[in-house]
Structures are given as structure tokens and as C-alpha cells.
Protein backbone atom coordinates (compact mmCIF):
# COMPACT_ATOMS: atom_id res chain seq x y z
CA MET A 1 4.31 -27.13 -15.65
CA GLU A 2 3.14 -26.94 -19.21
CA ASP A 3 2.58 -23.22 -19.34
CA PRO A 4 5.78 -21.60 -20.75
CA ILE A 5 4.85 -18.05 -19.86
CA LEU A 6 4.19 -19.03 -16.23
CA GLN A 7 7.49 -21.00 -15.96
CA GLU A 8 9.55 -18.28 -17.64
CA GLY A 9 7.89 -15.52 -15.44
CA LEU A 10 8.49 -17.50 -12.28
CA ARG A 11 12.10 -18.18 -13.20
CA ARG A 12 12.82 -14.56 -13.80
CA ALA A 13 11.16 -13.48 -10.61
CA VAL A 14 12.93 -16.01 -8.30
CA LYS A 15 16.31 -15.16 -9.87
CA ALA A 16 15.92 -11.47 -9.08
CA SER A 17 14.12 -11.69 -5.73
CA VAL A 18 16.12 -14.20 -3.75
CA PRO A 19 19.49 -12.33 -4.03
CA ALA A 20 17.69 -8.97 -3.34
CA THR A 21 16.40 -10.22 0.11
CA ASN A 22 19.75 -11.78 0.95
CA ARG A 23 21.51 -8.51 0.15
CA ALA A 24 19.09 -6.44 2.32
CA LEU A 25 19.55 -8.75 5.31
CA GLN A 26 23.34 -8.75 4.97
CA SER A 27 23.42 -4.88 4.52
CA TRP A 28 21.03 -4.19 7.41
CA PRO A 29 21.41 -6.89 10.04
CA TYR A 30 19.13 -4.99 12.45
CA LEU A 31 16.24 -6.24 10.30
CA ALA A 32 16.49 -9.68 11.95
CA GLU A 33 16.47 -8.05 15.40
CA LEU A 34 13.34 -5.99 14.39
CA ALA A 35 11.65 -9.21 13.21
CA ASP A 36 12.04 -10.87 16.61
CA TYR A 37 10.77 -7.73 18.27
CA VAL A 38 7.70 -7.61 16.02
CA ARG A 39 6.88 -11.26 16.76
CA LYS A 40 6.92 -10.55 20.51
CA ARG A 41 4.67 -7.45 20.08
CA LYS A 42 2.25 -9.47 18.03
CA GLU A 43 2.15 -12.04 20.79
CA THR A 44 1.04 -9.28 23.20
CA VAL A 45 -1.80 -8.31 20.83
CA TYR A 46 -3.02 -11.92 20.35
CA SER A 47 -2.93 -12.67 24.07
CA ASN A 48 -5.81 -10.11 24.39
CA ILE A 49 -7.20 -9.55 20.88
CA ASP A 50 -10.64 -8.22 21.84
CA TYR A 51 -8.97 -5.50 23.94
CA TYR A 52 -6.71 -4.45 21.17
CA ILE A 53 -9.52 -4.35 18.62
CA ASP A 54 -11.63 -2.19 20.90
CA GLU A 55 -8.64 0.12 21.62
CA THR A 56 -7.94 0.46 17.95
CA LEU A 57 -11.54 1.31 17.08
CA ARG A 58 -11.55 3.81 19.94
CA ALA A 59 -8.38 5.45 18.80
CA ILE A 60 -9.56 5.62 15.20
CA LYS A 61 -12.63 7.64 16.35
CA GLU A 62 -11.17 9.75 19.14
CA LYS A 63 -7.60 10.38 18.02
CA ALA A 64 -7.60 9.94 14.22
CA LYS A 65 -11.00 11.58 13.84
CA ALA A 66 -11.96 8.92 11.35
CA ASN A 67 -15.00 6.65 11.04
CA ALA A 68 -14.35 3.23 12.53
CA TYR A 69 -16.05 -0.09 11.75
CA PHE A 70 -15.60 -3.78 12.60
CA ALA A 71 -16.51 -6.48 10.08
CA SER A 72 -16.61 -10.11 11.14
CA ASN A 73 -16.92 -11.58 7.63
CA LYS A 74 -16.97 -10.81 3.94
CA ASP A 75 -20.68 -9.96 3.84
CA GLU A 76 -20.37 -7.45 6.66
CA ALA A 77 -17.34 -5.85 5.11
CA LEU A 78 -18.99 -5.47 1.68
CA LYS A 79 -22.23 -4.06 3.23
CA ILE A 80 -20.21 -1.35 5.13
CA ILE A 81 -18.26 -0.37 2.02
CA ASP A 82 -21.45 -0.21 -0.09
CA SER A 83 -23.02 2.06 2.54
CA ILE A 84 -20.05 4.47 2.39
CA ILE A 85 -19.88 4.47 -1.41
CA GLY A 86 -23.62 4.87 -1.96
CA ASN A 87 -25.75 3.89 -4.91
CA GLU A 88 -24.47 6.21 -7.50
CA ARG A 89 -21.91 4.99 -9.95
CA LYS A 90 -18.43 6.12 -8.74
CA THR A 91 -14.89 6.14 -10.11
CA ILE A 92 -12.74 4.17 -7.68
CA VAL A 93 -8.90 3.83 -7.51
CA LYS A 94 -7.59 1.02 -5.44
CA ALA A 95 -4.19 0.18 -3.87
CA LYS A 96 -2.94 -3.45 -3.77
CA SER A 97 -4.47 -5.32 -0.78
CA MET A 98 -4.68 -9.04 -0.16
CA VAL A 99 -7.58 -8.45 2.31
CA THR A 100 -9.70 -6.93 -0.42
CA GLU A 101 -8.84 -10.03 -2.49
CA GLU A 102 -10.24 -12.14 0.35
CA ILE A 103 -13.65 -10.41 0.17
CA MET A 104 -13.55 -10.14 -3.70
CA LEU A 105 -14.01 -6.42 -3.42
CA ARG A 106 -12.97 -5.40 -6.93
CA GLU A 107 -15.34 -7.95 -8.51
CA HIS A 108 -18.23 -6.89 -6.11
CA LEU A 109 -17.83 -3.18 -6.99
CA THR A 110 -17.68 -3.95 -10.71
CA GLU A 111 -20.92 -5.86 -10.40
CA LYS A 112 -22.42 -2.79 -8.66
CA GLY A 113 -21.65 -0.81 -11.70
CA HIS A 114 -18.68 1.27 -10.41
CA GLU A 115 -15.61 2.02 -12.57
CA ILE A 116 -12.70 0.59 -10.58
CA TYR A 117 -9.01 0.54 -11.32
CA GLU A 118 -6.20 -1.27 -9.53
CA THR A 119 -3.29 1.26 -9.42
CA ASP A 120 -0.40 -1.05 -8.45
CA LEU A 121 0.98 -2.11 -11.87
CA GLY A 122 1.11 -5.79 -10.93
CA GLU A 123 -2.40 -5.76 -9.60
CA LEU A 124 -3.65 -3.89 -12.66
CA LEU A 125 -2.23 -6.69 -14.81
CA ILE A 126 -4.08 -9.22 -12.64
CA GLN A 127 -7.29 -7.26 -12.95
CA ILE A 128 -6.95 -7.15 -16.80
CA ALA A 129 -6.10 -10.90 -16.93
CA LYS A 130 -8.91 -11.81 -14.60
CA ASP A 131 -6.35 -13.86 -12.73
CA LYS A 132 -5.44 -14.14 -9.07
CA PRO A 133 -2.23 -12.68 -7.48
CA MET A 134 0.66 -15.10 -7.93
CA HIS A 135 2.60 -13.68 -4.98
CA VAL A 136 1.61 -11.51 -1.99
CA ILE A 137 4.12 -8.73 -2.89
CA ALA A 138 4.57 -9.20 -6.59
CA PRO A 139 1.12 -10.30 -7.84
CA ALA A 140 2.12 -10.47 -11.48
CA CYS A 141 5.62 -11.94 -11.08
CA HIS A 142 4.64 -14.88 -13.34
CA LEU A 143 3.99 -12.63 -16.31
CA THR A 144 6.72 -11.87 -18.84
CA LYS A 145 7.14 -8.26 -20.18
CA GLU A 146 5.75 -9.49 -23.42
CA ARG A 147 2.55 -10.68 -21.79
CA ALA A 148 2.26 -7.58 -19.66
CA ALA A 149 2.38 -5.40 -22.74
CA GLU A 150 -0.21 -7.50 -24.50
CA LEU A 151 -2.56 -7.14 -21.43
CA LEU A 152 -2.02 -3.42 -21.06
CA SER A 153 -2.61 -2.70 -24.68
CA SER A 154 -5.97 -4.43 -24.51
CA ILE A 155 -7.40 -1.66 -22.17
CA GLY A 156 -5.85 1.22 -24.14
CA VAL A 157 -2.42 1.73 -22.69
CA LYS A 158 -0.19 2.76 -25.55
CA VAL A 159 2.33 -0.03 -25.42
CA THR A 160 3.59 -2.66 -27.86
CA LYS A 161 4.72 -6.22 -27.26
CA GLY A 162 8.41 -5.50 -27.99
CA MET A 163 8.70 -2.77 -25.37
CA ASP A 164 11.05 -3.01 -22.38
CA ALA A 165 9.77 -2.36 -18.88
CA GLU A 166 11.43 1.07 -18.91
CA LYS A 167 9.19 2.07 -21.82
CA ILE A 168 6.05 0.35 -20.59
CA VAL A 169 6.00 2.06 -17.17
CA PRO A 170 5.67 5.71 -18.33
CA GLU A 171 2.65 4.67 -20.50
CA VAL A 172 0.99 3.08 -17.51
CA ARG A 173 1.65 6.28 -15.56
CA ALA A 174 -0.05 8.40 -18.19
CA PHE A 175 -3.03 6.07 -18.35
CA LEU A 176 -3.65 5.97 -14.67
CA ARG A 177 -3.03 9.64 -13.90
CA GLU A 178 -6.39 10.58 -15.36
CA LYS A 179 -8.05 7.96 -13.19
CA PHE A 180 -6.48 9.29 -10.07
CA VAL A 181 -7.64 12.92 -10.72
CA LYS A 182 -11.14 12.05 -11.41
CA ALA A 183 -11.59 9.36 -8.68
CA ASP A 184 -14.42 9.69 -6.17
CA ILE A 185 -13.15 7.05 -3.83
CA GLY A 186 -9.73 5.70 -2.90
CA ILE A 187 -9.45 2.23 -1.35
CA SER A 188 -6.37 0.69 0.38
CA GLY A 189 -5.37 -1.90 2.88
CA ALA A 190 -2.54 -1.33 5.36
CA ASN A 191 0.73 -3.09 6.47
CA SER A 192 0.10 -2.27 10.12
CA ILE A 193 -2.12 -0.20 12.37
CA ALA A 194 -1.43 1.25 15.83
CA SER A 195 -3.97 0.66 18.57
CA ASP A 196 -2.76 3.66 20.54
CA THR A 197 -3.41 6.21 17.82
CA GLY A 198 -5.47 4.64 15.04
CA ALA A 199 -2.59 5.54 12.65
CA PHE A 200 -1.78 3.05 9.87
CA PHE A 201 1.23 2.45 7.61
CA LEU A 202 1.43 1.58 3.98
CA VAL A 203 4.60 0.43 2.26
CA PHE A 204 5.08 1.02 -1.47
CA ASN A 205 7.45 1.90 -4.20
CA GLU A 206 5.40 3.05 -7.19
CA GLY A 207 3.93 6.16 -5.68
CA ASN A 208 0.39 5.04 -6.50
CA ILE A 209 -0.79 4.73 -2.97
CA SER A 210 -0.06 8.32 -2.05
CA LEU A 211 -2.27 9.37 -4.96
CA ALA A 212 -5.04 6.80 -4.42
CA THR A 213 -5.29 7.79 -0.71
CA THR A 214 -4.88 11.51 -1.15
CA LEU A 215 -6.58 12.82 -4.34
CA PRO A 216 -10.05 11.28 -3.90
CA PRO A 217 -12.37 13.08 -1.32
CA VAL A 218 -13.13 9.76 0.34
CA HIS A 219 -10.61 7.08 1.55
CA ILE A 220 -11.71 3.62 2.68
CA ALA A 221 -9.12 1.48 4.40
CA LEU A 222 -9.84 -2.26 4.89
CA ILE A 223 -7.32 -3.60 7.58
CA SER A 224 -7.26 -7.15 8.90
CA ILE A 225 -6.89 -7.54 12.70
CA ASP A 226 -3.59 -9.37 12.40
CA LYS A 227 -2.13 -5.99 11.36
CA ILE A 228 -2.85 -4.37 14.77
CA MET A 229 0.21 -3.49 16.83
CA PRO A 230 0.22 -1.91 20.37
CA THR A 231 1.85 1.41 19.52
CA ILE A 232 2.78 3.60 16.55
CA THR A 233 6.42 2.71 16.97
CA ASP A 234 5.54 -1.07 16.88
CA ALA A 235 3.35 -0.46 13.75
CA PHE A 236 6.16 1.25 11.97
CA MET A 237 8.62 -1.48 12.88
CA GLN A 238 6.28 -4.19 11.41
CA ALA A 239 6.11 -2.17 8.19
CA VAL A 240 9.97 -2.00 8.07
CA VAL A 241 10.32 -5.75 8.64
CA GLN A 242 7.81 -6.62 5.92
CA SER A 243 9.65 -4.41 3.38
CA GLY A 244 13.11 -5.74 4.48
CA TYR A 245 12.27 -9.41 4.06
CA ALA A 246 10.53 -8.67 0.73
CA GLY A 247 13.92 -7.49 -0.49
CA LEU A 248 12.59 -4.07 -1.32
CA TYR A 249 14.63 -2.27 1.34
CA PRO A 250 14.57 0.52 1.96
CA PRO A 251 11.20 0.97 0.28
CA THR A 252 10.65 4.15 -1.72
CA TYR A 253 7.77 5.11 0.62
CA ILE A 254 6.46 4.20 4.07
CA TYR A 255 3.31 6.26 4.40
CA MET A 256 1.55 6.94 7.73
CA ILE A 257 -2.07 8.03 7.70
CA ALA A 258 -3.47 9.28 11.00
CA GLY A 259 -6.80 10.89 9.92
CA PRO A 260 -8.38 12.93 7.14
CA SER A 261 -6.55 15.80 5.75
CA SER A 262 -6.58 18.94 8.00
CA THR A 263 -5.20 22.35 8.71
CA ALA A 264 -4.89 24.62 11.69
CA ASP A 265 -3.38 27.63 9.91
CA ILE A 266 -6.26 29.88 10.84
CA GLU A 267 -6.22 30.78 14.49
CA TYR A 268 -4.77 27.24 15.21
CA HIS A 269 -8.33 25.90 14.74
CA ARG A 270 -8.21 22.43 13.14
CA VAL A 271 -10.38 22.03 10.09
CA TYR A 272 -10.74 18.66 8.36
CA GLY A 273 -10.80 18.16 4.56
CA VAL A 274 -8.16 20.28 2.83
CA HIS A 275 -6.26 18.99 -0.21
CA GLY A 276 -6.54 15.31 0.85
CA PRO A 277 -9.66 13.31 1.70
CA ARG A 278 -12.53 14.91 3.62
CA GLU A 279 -13.51 11.50 4.91
CA LEU A 280 -11.46 8.50 6.21
CA HIS A 281 -13.19 5.30 6.85
CA ILE A 282 -11.24 2.45 8.58
CA ILE A 283 -12.68 -1.06 8.70
CA LEU A 284 -11.04 -3.62 10.92
CA TYR A 285 -11.66 -7.03 9.36
CA ASP A 286 -11.71 -10.39 11.09
CA GLY A 287 -12.32 -12.89 8.33
CA GLY A 288 -11.60 -16.03 10.37
CA ARG A 289 -8.54 -14.65 12.35
CA LYS A 290 -10.15 -14.64 15.78
CA GLU A 291 -11.25 -18.30 15.31
CA ALA A 292 -7.69 -19.22 14.16
CA LEU A 293 -6.37 -17.83 17.43
CA LYS A 294 -8.16 -20.71 19.20
CA ASN A 295 -6.25 -23.24 17.15
CA PRO A 296 -2.68 -23.64 18.50
CA VAL A 297 -1.36 -24.71 15.03
CA LEU A 298 -3.15 -22.23 12.82
CA LYS A 299 -2.44 -19.44 15.21
CA GLU A 300 1.14 -19.60 14.02
CA GLN A 301 0.17 -18.26 10.51
CA LEU A 302 -1.09 -15.01 12.18
CA PHE A 303 2.57 -14.02 12.92
CA CYS A 304 3.13 -13.78 9.12
CA VAL A 305 3.76 -10.25 7.88
CA LYS A 306 3.13 -11.28 4.23
CA CYS A 307 6.57 -10.47 2.92
CA GLY A 308 6.37 -13.47 0.49
CA ARG A 309 9.91 -14.63 1.14
CA CYS A 310 8.72 -18.15 1.86
CA GLU A 311 7.22 -18.35 -1.64
CA PHE A 312 10.37 -17.41 -3.41
CA VAL A 313 12.51 -20.09 -1.53
CA CYS A 314 9.98 -22.82 -1.90
CA PRO A 315 10.85 -25.48 -4.52
CA ILE A 316 7.17 -26.27 -5.22
CA TRP A 317 6.20 -22.63 -5.50
CA ASN A 318 9.11 -22.14 -7.85
CA ILE A 319 7.40 -24.40 -10.43
CA ALA A 320 3.75 -23.86 -9.61
CA GLY A 321 3.44 -20.30 -8.17
CA ASN A 322 0.07 -19.66 -6.60
CA VAL A 323 -1.47 -22.23 -8.92
CA TRP A 324 -0.59 -24.28 -5.76
CA GLY A 325 -3.03 -22.50 -3.48
CA GLY A 326 -6.48 -21.42 -2.57
CA ARG A 327 -8.56 -18.67 -4.23
CA VAL A 328 -6.25 -15.93 -2.87
CA TYR A 329 -3.16 -17.30 -1.02
CA GLY A 330 -0.63 -19.86 -2.38
CA GLY A 331 2.72 -21.37 -1.64
CA PRO A 332 3.86 -22.20 1.85
CA LEU A 333 1.97 -19.32 3.51
CA GLY A 334 -1.01 -20.21 1.44
CA MET A 335 -1.59 -23.41 3.40
CA GLY A 336 -2.19 -21.53 6.68
CA TRP A 337 -3.91 -18.48 5.23
CA THR A 338 -6.22 -20.58 3.06
CA SER A 339 -7.15 -22.52 6.22
CA ILE A 340 -7.98 -19.30 7.99
CA THR A 341 -9.85 -17.50 5.23
CA GLU A 342 -11.42 -20.38 3.26
CA GLY A 343 -11.46 -23.29 5.66
CA ILE A 344 -9.32 -26.34 6.54
CA GLU A 345 -11.24 -28.52 4.08
CA LYS A 346 -9.96 -26.23 1.24
CA ALA A 347 -6.37 -26.07 2.58
CA ALA A 348 -5.86 -29.68 3.57
CA PRO A 349 -5.36 -31.10 0.06
CA LEU A 350 -2.93 -28.32 -0.77
CA SER A 351 -0.66 -29.50 2.04
CA MET A 352 -0.04 -32.87 0.22
CA TYR A 353 2.24 -31.02 -2.28
CA CYS A 354 4.49 -29.72 0.47
CA LEU A 355 7.86 -31.52 0.68
CA LEU A 356 8.40 -30.47 4.37
CA CYS A 357 11.87 -29.33 3.45
CA GLY A 358 11.71 -26.38 5.94
CA ALA A 359 13.06 -23.71 3.54
CA CYS A 360 9.97 -21.62 4.28
CA LYS A 361 10.47 -21.61 8.04
CA GLU A 362 14.22 -20.72 7.74
CA ALA A 363 13.23 -17.75 5.55
CA CYS A 364 10.38 -16.38 7.66
CA PRO A 365 10.87 -13.24 9.71
CA GLY A 366 8.01 -14.25 12.00
CA LYS A 367 9.43 -17.70 12.45
CA VAL A 368 6.06 -19.06 11.37
CA ASP A 369 6.25 -22.87 11.65
CA MET A 370 4.72 -23.66 8.28
CA ILE A 371 6.00 -27.29 8.49
CA LYS A 372 3.90 -27.79 11.62
CA ILE A 373 0.92 -26.39 9.77
CA ALA A 374 1.56 -28.61 6.74
CA ARG A 375 1.73 -31.79 8.92
CA TYR A 376 -1.45 -30.78 10.72
CA LEU A 377 -3.18 -30.29 7.43
CA LYS A 378 -1.78 -33.51 5.96
CA ARG A 379 -3.24 -35.37 8.95
CA GLU A 380 -6.62 -33.63 8.47
CA TYR A 381 -6.66 -34.69 4.86
CA ILE A 382 -5.72 -38.27 5.43
CA GLU A 383 -8.22 -38.77 8.23
CA LYS A 384 -10.89 -37.29 5.99
CA ILE A 385 -10.24 -39.62 3.00
CA ARG A 386 -10.06 -42.65 5.39
CA LYS A 387 -13.59 -42.14 6.62
């Protein structure tokens, strides 16, 4: 409340984002129908999650011709990634991913001595500031352009404090282009993955993800199991819904990756490793999600597509941002996701700030009952302090 940069950044972000999403839903009413469809298809996956995990891993290996892994927790995920990268110092370019935030991947790789760059502009600002994402889609929405310029100049980007965004962005492009070209490893998450093909989708606007996942010879994708959809059509629809309810519709890019780069131009014989990555490694990550499926209340949060609309309409988030949250997730969705990824004991106190106004539930494409989750966590908190 006493941080003027935070308050001004949040005010500007909310003022721009809420009307953008409303315009998208009014202009393309089919988005609401797709949201209902996506929820139903996610119900299908969650009714038999082990089957769909196994099918996805099989499809990754047999159809996508990629390397498939399953990680139950943070330590397993980091061990797999370390084994892929190796011991030598590497230059790594990274796409924005909340799941990599869960396992503190950037911090881990930095400690290992690697040179790593976030390539999403907002996430790059978070990296420089040593902060946490303030929003699932717009991680640096709390920063004013003045503060952004200050941070970027500290790492050598040729910007000054008085620059407008239109002048800042080309300088960031020039700074990162060199990193893309010399990178040894590209790392991404995914907005969805299809169990029938192993193909996954990435939604973005900056163009960074196509470079981060194409130019390096090795691409690692860390994808949480709540992103699994039965078919490639379903996976595409989930990506569309996420972008629509984020107010960035249509997105500049929806990128599908279904294997390492390949060609069949000589005798129609398929050879892998052409202009894009020679290796594709896909890690399916649990991180508490399978356990959450056993809890009828917390299971609701797994229908979230992480569009972040609930955060922008929440009166508490409007003044606190993800300061009201766990280590990674904040706002209304942060109560459920923090319970899943960090534990109920961490999330329960956060629920006491929730007004139970219901704005989040009304805004949610997955109809996630965040009010029910908040009440559940409030009870957990009160019962604990009474003991």
C-alpha cells in the first residue's frame, strides 16, 4: 500500500487489461463456448490421470520422436534437467513459464554456473529485479516504464529513464538477439499438450518463444500435467481459451511443436536436426497436482488455464498484486495453486484476505470455484489457530 511504484503499476495494468478482455469476449462470443468445452475435456483427463500421463509419454516418444520424462517433484525435475544440460557452462535462453518458477529453475541454473536469460520482456525485468512474477500472464505489470528502463539499463540495455515503451522495446530486442544466436539450450513451458500426439502449444506475442525454441540445438520443455488434453484439437482449444480470457486475442502467435526439427527432402527419408533443435526433451511435471485431484475442493483449481483474469478483477489484488500470495502464485488463483504447490499450511493464511465477493469466479473461463477454495482454507486456518 505504501509502495508508489507498485500502486501506480497495478493501476495502469488493471485500467488496460480489464477492458481488453471484455472487448475480446464481446467480439468473439465463441470463446465462452470453447471455455465450457475445455472444462469438460479436462474432466475427462482428470477422471483417469495416470492413463493420460502414460499415453502422453508414449506419444512423445513414438510419435513426436522426442525424449520423454516424468518428474514427481522439484528435485526430480531439476535432476533431469541437469542431466540433459551436462556439467559444462552453457548459455541458456528461457521462455516465460510459471512451472519453471515453481521449481526455481532459473536460480538453480545460475547457481550451477550457467549463463541464463529470460527472453519474455516482463520476465526479464523480474529476473533483473530478483522479484517474483506479479501476474501469471503479465509478470512485470506492477512496474512503471520508468522503473523498467532503470532495471534494463543496469544490465547494459541502452535505455534511459525518460524513454517510452516504443523506444525501450527495440533496445531489448537488440540486447537479446545476440543471446538467442549463441544459446546452447532453449527452455520453455507449454500452454497445453496433446496425449494423442505429444504435440504441445505455446501462446505468445513477442516472438521470443519461436527463437528460444528453434535456434538452440537443444530444447527442453517442462510441462505440468494439468496441461494435458486428450487430442491435438483439444490442446489447441485450451491455448485459444487461455489467450482469449487474458485479453490478448487473437494472440500474435500460437506455436505448435511436435518433435525436433526434421526434413524428408532427400528420398522422402526423414532426418532429424535441421535448422531447429536436434534434440527435444519433454518433462511432464506433477508437483502436487495428482495429490490435489484427491481433494474435492482443491481439485477445482486444476481447471484453471492461468489466464490471470481473476487477478485483474479482484479488489484485493488490485491494491496488493501478488504480494498477496505464495512464493509463485498470488491473487485469487494463488490461494488454490499455492495450496497445491507449496502446501495448505502456506495458503491458508492468504485466504483470510479474500473478501468472498465472487468476482473471480464470475471471470473464470474454467468456472473454478475460488470462493469454495477460500472458505475451505479459511476453515483450515481457523481450526489450526484454535488448537
